[in-house]
Amino acid sequence: MARMQKKQKIRKKHTVNKQTTKAGRKLSDTETRTMMKKYGIPFVKQVLAKTEDQAISHAKKMGFPVVLKISSSDIIHKTDVGGVVLDIGNVEELRDAYMKMMRNVKKKRPKAKVDGVLVQEMVPADSREMIVGARRDPQFGAVVMFGLGGVWVEALKDVSFRLAPIDRNDAKRMIESIRGHTILKGFRGQKPVNFKLLEDCLLNVSKMIAKNNRIQELDINPLFISHKKAIAVDARIVV
């Protein structure tokens, strides 16, 4: 009963967005990927390009279609500044996307330090966007979060929370408790997602924050899940 009351308090206290630290350092993309790999969380294939020509070269090697994403520790919500372009099908589209992205970022975040552009593989078309995260609450300690990802996490706030560490039954209950659970089971011809892989991601995030006291915030958004695979596309870790 006491644990249930704590969970209810956490739900009221936490908000999905606007969770920013007053003091802390955001890990670089390389550091974040290294941490994800250590805890068995699969990450999308990506390469950092410093110039437009490098982005084209990487895209050709990776194979179209690709995604372009701005790389900057000063920009948390990349879509808000036009820093993400999906489904780029050829060199001409890439050149256009690259120029527009740089113009948008310079206009909306002129003081941001830009490391370059990430060239990423496209995820399977039938994937669904989820968010998996964790926070270190000053009162309750480590807390794991799960819900609908992408832009929906801010619009719908359809999330669930559990105190870390969690077990597989906790992970199952977290997944089943969100309102968007129906779309995971299969909707309008889509196959059900691989729930075991989704549970594994929740368990791995729980281990990550439970074993690393330096981690204050962790967001994997979006985590794309399909019937075949789970892939983290973007992640943020604050220590």
C-alpha atoms as a PDB file:
ATOM      1  CA  MET A   1       0.000   0.000   0.000  1.00  0.00           C
ATOM      2  CA  ALA A   2       2.811   2.425   0.895  1.00  0.00           C
ATOM      3  CA  ARG A   3       4.534   1.707  -2.446  1.00  0.00           C
ATOM      4  CA  MET A   4       1.238   2.320  -4.276  1.00  0.00           C
ATOM      5  CA  GLN A   5       0.806   5.687  -2.506  1.00  0.00           C
ATOM      6  CA  LYS A   6       4.350   6.657  -3.486  1.00  0.00           C
ATOM      7  CA  LYS A   7       3.614   5.823  -7.150  1.00  0.00           C
ATOM      8  CA  GLN A   8       0.501   8.009  -7.055  1.00  0.00           C
ATOM      9  CA  LYS A   9       2.493  10.898  -5.587  1.00  0.00           C
ATOM     10  CA  ILE A  10       5.139  10.493  -8.254  1.00  0.00           C
ATOM     11  CA  ARG A  11       2.489  10.665 -10.990  1.00  0.00           C
ATOM     12  CA  LYS A  12       1.291  14.004  -9.629  1.00  0.00           C
ATOM     13  CA  LYS A  13       4.768  15.405  -9.100  1.00  0.00           C
ATOM     14  CA  HIS A  14       6.345  14.526 -12.432  1.00  0.00           C
ATOM     15  CA  THR A  15       5.501  16.106 -15.754  1.00  0.00           C
ATOM     16  CA  VAL A  16       6.580  14.607 -19.046  1.00  0.00           C
ATOM     17  CA  ASN A  17       8.114  17.695 -20.588  1.00  0.00           C
ATOM     18  CA  LYS A  18       9.685  20.757 -18.985  1.00  0.00           C
ATOM     19  CA  GLN A  19      11.876  18.420 -16.912  1.00  0.00           C
ATOM     20  CA  THR A  20      15.117  20.412 -16.975  1.00  0.00           C
ATOM     21  CA  THR A  21      17.929  20.301 -14.479  1.00  0.00           C
ATOM     22  CA  LYS A  22      19.126  23.424 -12.710  1.00  0.00           C
ATOM     23  CA  ALA A  23      22.663  22.035 -12.734  1.00  0.00           C
ATOM     24  CA  GLY A  24      24.114  19.209 -14.730  1.00  0.00           C
ATOM     25  CA  ARG A  25      25.894  18.202 -17.894  1.00  0.00           C
ATOM     26  CA  LYS A  26      24.238  16.637 -20.897  1.00  0.00           C
ATOM     27  CA  LEU A  27      26.319  13.788 -22.269  1.00  0.00           C
ATOM     28  CA  SER A  28      27.482  14.039 -25.876  1.00  0.00           C
ATOM     29  CA  ASP A  29      25.937  11.831 -28.545  1.00  0.00           C
ATOM     30  CA  THR A  30      29.000   9.566 -28.445  1.00  0.00           C
ATOM     31  CA  GLU A  31      28.922   9.239 -24.650  1.00  0.00           C
ATOM     32  CA  THR A  32      25.197   8.552 -24.731  1.00  0.00           C
ATOM     33  CA  ARG A  33      25.524   5.820 -27.353  1.00  0.00           C
ATOM     34  CA  THR A  34      28.345   4.221 -25.361  1.00  0.00           C
ATOM     35  CA  MET A  35      26.161   4.129 -22.256  1.00  0.00           C
ATOM     36  CA  MET A  36      23.229   2.687 -24.216  1.00  0.00           C
ATOM     37  CA  LYS A  37      25.409  -0.031 -25.704  1.00  0.00           C
ATOM     38  CA  LYS A  38      26.785  -0.953 -22.268  1.00  0.00           C
ATOM     39  CA  TYR A  39      23.263  -1.640 -21.020  1.00  0.00           C
ATOM     40  CA  GLY A  40      22.044  -3.508 -24.073  1.00  0.00           C
ATOM     41  CA  ILE A  41      19.794  -0.833 -25.560  1.00  0.00           C
ATOM     42  CA  PRO A  42      19.975  -0.996 -29.385  1.00  0.00           C
ATOM     43  CA  PHE A  43      20.629   2.337 -31.082  1.00  0.00           C
ATOM     44  CA  VAL A  44      19.915   3.356 -34.646  1.00  0.00           C
ATOM     45  CA  LYS A  45      22.867   3.370 -37.051  1.00  0.00           C
ATOM     46  CA  GLN A  46      24.204   6.898 -37.436  1.00  0.00           C
ATOM     47  CA  VAL A  47      27.285   8.840 -38.493  1.00  0.00           C
ATOM     48  CA  LEU A  48      28.241  12.423 -37.662  1.00  0.00           C
ATOM     49  CA  ALA A  49      28.831  14.674 -40.675  1.00  0.00           C
ATOM     50  CA  LYS A  50      30.620  18.011 -40.330  1.00  0.00           C
ATOM     51  CA  THR A  51      29.733  19.252 -43.810  1.00  0.00           C
ATOM     52  CA  GLU A  52      27.078  18.787 -46.468  1.00  0.00           C
ATOM     53  CA  ASP A  53      29.433  16.739 -48.636  1.00  0.00           C
ATOM     54  CA  GLN A  54      30.231  14.443 -45.721  1.00  0.00           C
ATOM     55  CA  ALA A  55      26.505  13.952 -45.093  1.00  0.00           C
ATOM     56  CA  ILE A  56      26.023  12.957 -48.732  1.00  0.00           C
ATOM     57  CA  SER A  57      28.935  10.538 -48.614  1.00  0.00           C
ATOM     58  CA  HIS A  58      27.652   8.881 -45.422  1.00  0.00           C
ATOM     59  CA  ALA A  59      24.112   8.643 -46.809  1.00  0.00           C
ATOM     60  CA  LYS A  60      25.341   6.914 -49.965  1.00  0.00           C
ATOM     61  CA  LYS A  61      27.273   4.358 -47.929  1.00  0.00           C
ATOM     62  CA  MET A  62      24.369   3.802 -45.538  1.00  0.00           C
ATOM     63  CA  GLY A  63      21.768   3.681 -48.283  1.00  0.00           C
ATOM     64  CA  PHE A  64      18.737   5.875 -48.834  1.00  0.00           C
ATOM     65  CA  PRO A  65      16.284   6.687 -47.351  1.00  0.00           C
ATOM     66  CA  VAL A  66      17.980   8.370 -44.395  1.00  0.00           C
ATOM     67  CA  VAL A  67      17.246  10.855 -41.634  1.00  0.00           C
ATOM     68  CA  LEU A  68      19.125  14.086 -40.945  1.00  0.00           C
ATOM     69  CA  LYS A  69      19.289  15.317 -37.372  1.00  0.00           C
ATOM     70  CA  ILE A  70      21.123  18.303 -35.932  1.00  0.00           C
ATOM     71  CA  SER A  71      23.829  17.428 -33.375  1.00  0.00           C
ATOM     72  CA  SER A  72      24.133  19.983 -30.577  1.00  0.00           C
ATOM     73  CA  SER A  73      24.273  19.637 -26.800  1.00  0.00           C
ATOM     74  CA  ASP A  74      22.597  23.073 -26.619  1.00  0.00           C
ATOM     75  CA  ILE A  75      19.459  21.850 -28.432  1.00  0.00           C
ATOM     76  CA  ILE A  76      17.320  19.372 -26.506  1.00  0.00           C
ATOM     77  CA  HIS A  77      14.106  19.417 -28.564  1.00  0.00           C
ATOM     78  CA  LYS A  78      15.446  19.166 -32.108  1.00  0.00           C
ATOM     79  CA  THR A  79      12.073  19.199 -33.866  1.00  0.00           C
ATOM     80  CA  ASP A  80      11.230  22.592 -32.318  1.00  0.00           C
ATOM     81  CA  VAL A  81      14.034  24.235 -34.300  1.00  0.00           C
ATOM     82  CA  GLY A  82      13.592  22.314 -37.558  1.00  0.00           C
ATOM     83  CA  GLY A  83      16.516  20.080 -36.643  1.00  0.00           C
ATOM     84  CA  VAL A  84      15.056  16.794 -37.896  1.00  0.00           C
ATOM     85  CA  VAL A  85      14.214  15.748 -41.471  1.00  0.00           C
ATOM     86  CA  LEU A  86      12.827  12.261 -42.153  1.00  0.00           C
ATOM     87  CA  ASP A  87      12.689   9.966 -45.164  1.00  0.00           C
ATOM     88  CA  ILE A  88      15.283  11.667 -47.390  1.00  0.00           C
ATOM     89  CA  GLY A  89      15.288   9.641 -50.576  1.00  0.00           C
ATOM     90  CA  ASN A  90      18.200  10.927 -52.687  1.00  0.00           C
ATOM     91  CA  VAL A  91      21.148  13.337 -52.906  1.00  0.00           C
ATOM     92  CA  GLU A  92      19.064  16.289 -54.122  1.00  0.00           C
ATOM     93  CA  GLU A  93      16.609  15.928 -51.226  1.00  0.00           C
ATOM     94  CA  LEU A  94      19.512  15.681 -48.808  1.00  0.00           C
ATOM     95  CA  ARG A  95      21.140  18.877 -50.065  1.00  0.00           C
ATOM     96  CA  ASP A  96      17.839  20.737 -49.745  1.00  0.00           C
ATOM     97  CA  ALA A  97      17.159  19.312 -46.272  1.00  0.00           C
ATOM     98  CA  TYR A  98      20.675  20.151 -45.058  1.00  0.00           C
ATOM     99  CA  MET A  99      20.486  23.790 -46.146  1.00  0.00           C
ATOM    100  CA  LYS A 100      16.999  24.311 -44.717  1.00  0.00           C
ATOM    101  CA  MET A 101      17.991  22.693 -41.424  1.00  0.00           C
ATOM    102  CA  MET A 102      21.039  24.913 -40.992  1.00  0.00           C
ATOM    103  CA  ARG A 103      19.007  28.041 -41.795  1.00  0.00           C
ATOM    104  CA  ASN A 104      16.290  27.088 -39.306  1.00  0.00           C
ATOM    105  CA  VAL A 105      18.719  26.295 -36.501  1.00  0.00           C
ATOM    106  CA  LYS A 106      20.723  29.479 -37.045  1.00  0.00           C
ATOM    107  CA  LYS A 107      17.524  31.534 -37.022  1.00  0.00           C
ATOM    108  CA  LYS A 108      15.884  29.918 -33.988  1.00  0.00           C
ATOM    109  CA  ARG A 109      18.978  29.096 -31.908  1.00  0.00           C
ATOM    110  CA  PRO A 110      21.739  31.442 -33.100  1.00  0.00           C
ATOM    111  CA  LYS A 111      23.926  30.902 -30.009  1.00  0.00           C
ATOM    112  CA  ALA A 112      23.775  27.090 -30.073  1.00  0.00           C
ATOM    113  CA  LYS A 113      27.051  25.260 -30.653  1.00  0.00           C
ATOM    114  CA  VAL A 114      26.459  22.853 -33.537  1.00  0.00           C
ATOM    115  CA  ASP A 115      28.738  19.816 -33.783  1.00  0.00           C
ATOM    116  CA  GLY A 116      27.384  18.773 -37.170  1.00  0.00           C
ATOM    117  CA  VAL A 117      24.547  16.685 -38.573  1.00  0.00           C
ATOM    118  CA  LEU A 118      23.752  13.071 -37.760  1.00  0.00           C
ATOM    119  CA  VAL A 119      22.944  10.871 -40.737  1.00  0.00           C
ATOM    120  CA  GLN A 120      20.699   8.048 -39.535  1.00  0.00           C
ATOM    121  CA  GLU A 121      19.074   4.980 -41.047  1.00  0.00           C
ATOM    122  CA  MET A 122      15.282   4.979 -41.388  1.00  0.00           C
ATOM    123  CA  VAL A 123      13.412   2.691 -39.001  1.00  0.00           C
ATOM    124  CA  PRO A 124      10.830   0.088 -40.148  1.00  0.00           C
ATOM    125  CA  ALA A 125       7.635   1.659 -41.451  1.00  0.00           C
ATOM    126  CA  ASP A 126       5.342  -0.250 -39.059  1.00  0.00           C
ATOM    127  CA  SER A 127       7.207   0.916 -35.934  1.00  0.00           C
ATOM    128  CA  ARG A 128       5.455   2.813 -33.170  1.00  0.00           C
ATOM    129  CA  GLU A 129       7.046   5.708 -31.290  1.00  0.00           C
ATOM    130  CA  MET A 130       7.467   5.296 -27.550  1.00  0.00           C
ATOM    131  CA  ILE A 131       9.390   7.053 -24.800  1.00  0.00           C
ATOM    132  CA  VAL A 132      11.385   5.323 -22.081  1.00  0.00           C
ATOM    133  CA  GLY A 133      12.957   7.491 -19.434  1.00  0.00           C
ATOM    134  CA  ALA A 134      14.120   7.819 -15.857  1.00  0.00           C
ATOM    135  CA  ARG A 135      14.563  10.544 -13.242  1.00  0.00           C
ATOM    136  CA  ARG A 136      16.332  10.742  -9.920  1.00  0.00           C
ATOM    137  CA  ASP A 137      13.703  12.205  -7.627  1.00  0.00           C
ATOM    138  CA  PRO A 138      15.059  13.911  -4.455  1.00  0.00           C
ATOM    139  CA  GLN A 139      12.306  12.325  -2.347  1.00  0.00           C
ATOM    140  CA  PHE A 140      11.664   8.912  -3.910  1.00  0.00           C
ATOM    141  CA  GLY A 141      14.954   8.154  -5.653  1.00  0.00           C
ATOM    142  CA  ALA A 142      15.194   6.583  -9.108  1.00  0.00           C
ATOM    143  CA  VAL A 143      11.954   6.522 -11.114  1.00  0.00           C
ATOM    144  CA  VAL A 144      11.349   4.833 -14.494  1.00  0.00           C
ATOM    145  CA  MET A 145       8.916   6.277 -17.053  1.00  0.00           C
ATOM    146  CA  PHE A 146       7.175   4.791 -20.108  1.00  0.00           C
ATOM    147  CA  GLY A 147       4.636   6.148 -22.592  1.00  0.00           C
ATOM    148  CA  LEU A 148       3.780   7.262 -26.100  1.00  0.00           C
ATOM    149  CA  GLY A 149       6.795   8.974 -27.651  1.00  0.00           C
ATOM    150  CA  GLY A 150       7.663  11.526 -30.302  1.00  0.00           C
ATOM    151  CA  VAL A 151       5.546  14.680 -30.221  1.00  0.00           C
ATOM    152  CA  TRP A 152       2.714  12.727 -28.555  1.00  0.00           C
ATOM    153  CA  VAL A 153       4.502  12.606 -25.211  1.00  0.00           C
ATOM    154  CA  GLU A 154       3.982  16.360 -24.798  1.00  0.00           C
ATOM    155  CA  ALA A 155       0.546  16.500 -26.417  1.00  0.00           C
ATOM    156  CA  LEU A 156      -1.105  13.550 -24.647  1.00  0.00           C
ATOM    157  CA  LYS A 157       1.110  12.926 -21.598  1.00  0.00           C
ATOM    158  CA  ASP A 158       0.126   9.250 -21.765  1.00  0.00           C
ATOM    159  CA  VAL A 159       2.801   7.855 -19.443  1.00  0.00           C
ATOM    160  CA  SER A 160       3.274   5.575 -16.462  1.00  0.00           C
ATOM    161  CA  PHE A 161       5.855   5.601 -13.656  1.00  0.00           C
ATOM    162  CA  ARG A 162       7.453   3.014 -11.359  1.00  0.00           C
ATOM    163  CA  LEU A 163      10.132   3.166  -8.688  1.00  0.00           C
ATOM    164  CA  ALA A 164      13.412   1.607  -9.798  1.00  0.00           C
ATOM    165  CA  PRO A 165      14.595  -1.063  -9.871  1.00  0.00           C
ATOM    166  CA  ILE A 166      11.700  -2.762 -11.651  1.00  0.00           C
ATOM    167  CA  ASP A 167      11.175  -6.417 -12.558  1.00  0.00           C
ATOM    168  CA  ARG A 168       9.524  -7.877 -15.663  1.00  0.00           C
ATOM    169  CA  ASN A 169       6.062  -7.854 -14.082  1.00  0.00           C
ATOM    170  CA  ASP A 170       6.478  -4.144 -13.327  1.00  0.00           C
ATOM    171  CA  ALA A 171       7.510  -3.552 -16.928  1.00  0.00           C
ATOM    172  CA  LYS A 172       4.435  -5.392 -18.204  1.00  0.00           C
ATOM    173  CA  ARG A 173       2.136  -3.366 -15.958  1.00  0.00           C
ATOM    174  CA  MET A 174       3.746  -0.105 -17.079  1.00  0.00           C
ATOM    175  CA  ILE A 175       3.104  -0.985 -20.717  1.00  0.00           C
ATOM    176  CA  GLU A 176      -0.465  -2.126 -20.095  1.00  0.00           C
ATOM    177  CA  SER A 177      -1.380   0.918 -17.993  1.00  0.00           C
ATOM    178  CA  ILE A 178      -1.059   3.596 -20.690  1.00  0.00           C
ATOM    179  CA  ARG A 179      -4.126   4.547 -22.726  1.00  0.00           C
ATOM    180  CA  GLY A 180      -2.218   3.978 -25.984  1.00  0.00           C
ATOM    181  CA  HIS A 181      -1.657   0.306 -25.177  1.00  0.00           C
ATOM    182  CA  THR A 182      -4.150  -0.625 -27.910  1.00  0.00           C
ATOM    183  CA  ILE A 183      -1.896   0.576 -30.725  1.00  0.00           C
ATOM    184  CA  LEU A 184       0.867  -1.709 -29.456  1.00  0.00           C
ATOM    185  CA  LYS A 185      -1.344  -4.788 -29.740  1.00  0.00           C
ATOM    186  CA  GLY A 186      -1.958  -4.137 -33.427  1.00  0.00           C
ATOM    187  CA  PHE A 187      -4.233  -1.599 -35.087  1.00  0.00           C
ATOM    188  CA  ARG A 188      -5.706  -1.456 -38.605  1.00  0.00           C
ATOM    189  CA  GLY A 189      -3.618  -4.252 -40.021  1.00  0.00           C
ATOM    190  CA  GLN A 190      -0.414  -3.550 -38.114  1.00  0.00           C
ATOM    191  CA  LYS A 191       1.245  -6.465 -36.372  1.00  0.00           C
ATOM    192  CA  PRO A 192       1.565  -6.409 -32.569  1.00  0.00           C
ATOM    193  CA  VAL A 193       4.879  -5.092 -31.321  1.00  0.00           C
ATOM    194  CA  ASN A 194       7.473  -7.356 -29.738  1.00  0.00           C
ATOM    195  CA  PHE A 195       6.478  -6.863 -26.102  1.00  0.00           C
ATOM    196  CA  LYS A 196       9.448  -8.806 -24.759  1.00  0.00           C
ATOM    197  CA  LEU A 197      11.891  -6.418 -26.464  1.00  0.00           C
ATOM    198  CA  LEU A 198       9.936  -3.468 -25.081  1.00  0.00           C
ATOM    199  CA  GLU A 199      10.050  -4.930 -21.580  1.00  0.00           C
ATOM    200  CA  ASP A 200      13.788  -5.542 -21.990  1.00  0.00           C
ATOM    201  CA  CYS A 201      14.329  -1.851 -22.769  1.00  0.00           C
ATOM    202  CA  LEU A 202      12.449  -0.818 -19.638  1.00  0.00           C
ATOM    203  CA  LEU A 203      14.457  -3.252 -17.526  1.00  0.00           C
ATOM    204  CA  ASN A 204      17.743  -2.044 -19.005  1.00  0.00           C
ATOM    205  CA  VAL A 205      16.882   1.608 -18.358  1.00  0.00           C
ATOM    206  CA  SER A 206      15.977   0.669 -14.787  1.00  0.00           C
ATOM    207  CA  LYS A 207      19.382  -0.991 -14.344  1.00  0.00           C
ATOM    208  CA  MET A 208      21.134   2.002 -15.884  1.00  0.00           C
ATOM    209  CA  ILE A 209      19.767   4.591 -13.479  1.00  0.00           C
ATOM    210  CA  ALA A 210      19.851   2.266 -10.454  1.00  0.00           C
ATOM    211  CA  LYS A 211      23.556   1.478 -10.935  1.00  0.00           C
ATOM    212  CA  ASN A 212      24.744   4.970 -11.960  1.00  0.00           C
ATOM    213  CA  ASN A 213      24.167   7.533  -9.238  1.00  0.00           C
ATOM    214  CA  ARG A 214      25.579  10.275 -11.484  1.00  0.00           C
ATOM    215  CA  ILE A 215      22.614  10.021 -13.864  1.00  0.00           C
ATOM    216  CA  GLN A 216      19.954  12.586 -12.976  1.00  0.00           C
ATOM    217  CA  GLU A 217      17.779  12.407 -16.093  1.00  0.00           C
ATOM    218  CA  LEU A 218      17.461   9.972 -18.963  1.00  0.00           C
ATOM    219  CA  ASP A 219      15.153  10.094 -21.978  1.00  0.00           C
ATOM    220  CA  ILE A 220      14.999   7.741 -24.951  1.00  0.00           C
ATOM    221  CA  ASN A 221      12.592   9.513 -27.272  1.00  0.00           C
ATOM    222  CA  PRO A 222      11.629   8.145 -29.602  1.00  0.00           C
ATOM    223  CA  LEU A 223      12.148   4.459 -29.057  1.00  0.00           C
ATOM    224  CA  PHE A 224      10.764   2.773 -32.177  1.00  0.00           C
ATOM    225  CA  ILE A 225       9.231  -0.634 -31.559  1.00  0.00           C
ATOM    226  CA  SER A 226       7.896  -3.054 -34.191  1.00  0.00           C
ATOM    227  CA  HIS A 227       7.163  -6.771 -34.307  1.00  0.00           C
ATOM    228  CA  LYS A 228      10.827  -7.414 -35.166  1.00  0.00           C
ATOM    229  CA  LYS A 229      12.981  -4.936 -33.291  1.00  0.00           C
ATOM    230  CA  ALA A 230      13.304  -2.075 -30.822  1.00  0.00           C
ATOM    231  CA  ILE A 231      15.555   0.831 -31.811  1.00  0.00           C
ATOM    232  CA  ALA A 232      16.461   3.955 -29.847  1.00  0.00           C
ATOM    233  CA  VAL A 233      16.600   6.879 -32.260  1.00  0.00           C
ATOM    234  CA  ASP A 234      17.324   9.780 -29.941  1.00  0.00           C
ATOM    235  CA  ALA A 235      18.431   9.854 -26.318  1.00  0.00           C
ATOM    236  CA  ARG A 236      19.421  12.376 -23.673  1.00  0.00           C
ATOM    237  CA  ILE A 237      21.351  11.730 -20.474  1.00  0.00           C
ATOM    238  CA  VAL A 238      22.086  14.415 -17.881  1.00  0.00           C
ATOM    239  CA  VAL A 239      24.676  13.740 -15.161  1.00  0.00           C
END
